[in-house]
Amino acid sequence: MTTSYRRSRRTVTRAAIALVIATGSTAALTGTASAHTAAGDVTVAPLVKGLYQSSYSERNNVLWTTSAVGRPPVVTSSLLKVDPKTLKVKQTITPPVTDAATGAVEAVYGVAVDDEHNTVWTTNTRNNTVAVYSQRTGEHLATLPDVGHAREIVVDERRDTVWASAFTDGTLVAFDSRTFEEKKRITVAGAGPTGLVVNERTGTAYAADLNGDQVIEVTARSAAPRLIPTGDGPISIALSKNGRTAYTADQTGGGLSVIDLRKGLVTKSVATGAGALSVASDDRTGNVVVVNRTAATATVVDPGKGTVVRTVTTGTNPNHVTITHGTAYVVDKSGAGLGGADQIHRFRVTR
C-alpha cells in the first residue's frame, strides 16, 4: 500500500515525538514479548491476534498495522503503532463502537499512511466504510460511508487524494485527504477491485481486479478506466520505482505477473508459491517480495530476470508485506506468538 513516489520532506525530529492519548480512543500499550531472530536474518515478534495489513510512516518512523478478530459483530479490533526497530507496540488504538448492544466496533483491515497531513487511513471492510485517524494522537477523525466491502486504501500525497477499493461495488473511490470529501468514483461492471497502488508522479491509480484477471488503470483526468490483462486471480499490486512496470500477486495462479504498462502486456510470470496474497516492490534494489499465504513463505523476485532471489519461511498464513529502506515487514495470522498472538517478520530484501 505504499506509493511509488514520495514527496521530499523537511527533517522531522523523531525521537521527541510525544504520544498524546486521546480520551476513549486508545487502550494501554501492548506487546511485552521480545523480538527474536529466526533462521538467517529474519526477526520475528508477536503483536496481537487478527493481523491484516501494515503501512510505514516515514515522517514518524513507525509501522502502522491493523487487526480484527472474528466475524460480525466484530468486538476486537485495533490500529497499532509499532516501532520498526524493536517491533514493539508503542500505541494501541481501539476503533469506535458502532453497536452498543453487541459491543461491535468499526473494525480496521486495510491501512495507508498520509504523512503530508499526519493521518492514517483504514478500510473498515465489515462496515463498508473507510476511516481517518490522527498519527499524532490516535484520535478518530472521520468515518466515510458507501465503500462496499472496502478492501484496500492508498494515498497520493501530491494531489491530496486517497483511493479506496470497493470490492462488492466494482468501484474505486477517491477522497480529498484534507477535507475528507468524496472526489470521484470509477466503476467497472463485474469487477472486484482489491489491491491498490498509485504513481504519485502522474497521479495514476492502479487496482488489481480479482474477478476479471486484470488491472484497472485510472489516470488523473480519465473518465473511463483502462483495463490491462494480468495473471490468474490478481489480489495485490505494486509498481516499479519508475512507474513503468506493475506487479500483481496472483492468488489463484500462485505467482507474480510482471506487466509492461505502456504495452499493456504481461512480460514475465514467476511462480512464487500457493496462495500469493500480497506484493511490494523495493525501490533500492528493484526486487519484489510476494507473500504466499498457503505456502507460508515470502518470495523475493528479481523481476527483470524473472527469477527467484530467495525464499523466506514465515509463520503460517502470512497476510501482507510492506517494504521500506530495503527491509520487508510481513504480518501473519499464525497465532504462534505468546497468548496466541499473530506475528510480524522482518528481513532484508537482499542479504
Foldseek 3Di string as FASTA:
>chain_A
DAALDDDDDDDADQVPQDAAADPPFWDDFDFPDWWDADPDFKIKGFDFFAWFEWEADPRNQWIWTKGWDDDPLTQDIWIFTARPVGRGTPTTTFADADDPVVNRGLGFHAWYAQNVQQKIKTDSQNQQWIWIAHNRHRHTDDIGHHQASWAYKYDLNVQQWIWIHRFVQQKIWIARNVPRHTDDIAHDPQWGWHAKYAHNVFRWIWTQTQRPQWIWIDGPPDPHTDTAHWDHRFHYKEAASVRQWMWTFHQCVQWIFIARVVVSDTPETAHDGHRFAEKYADRVPRWMWTQHQQRQWIWIANVVVNDTPDIGHHAHRWHYWDDDPQKIKIWGNRLPHVPRGTMIMIDGSHD
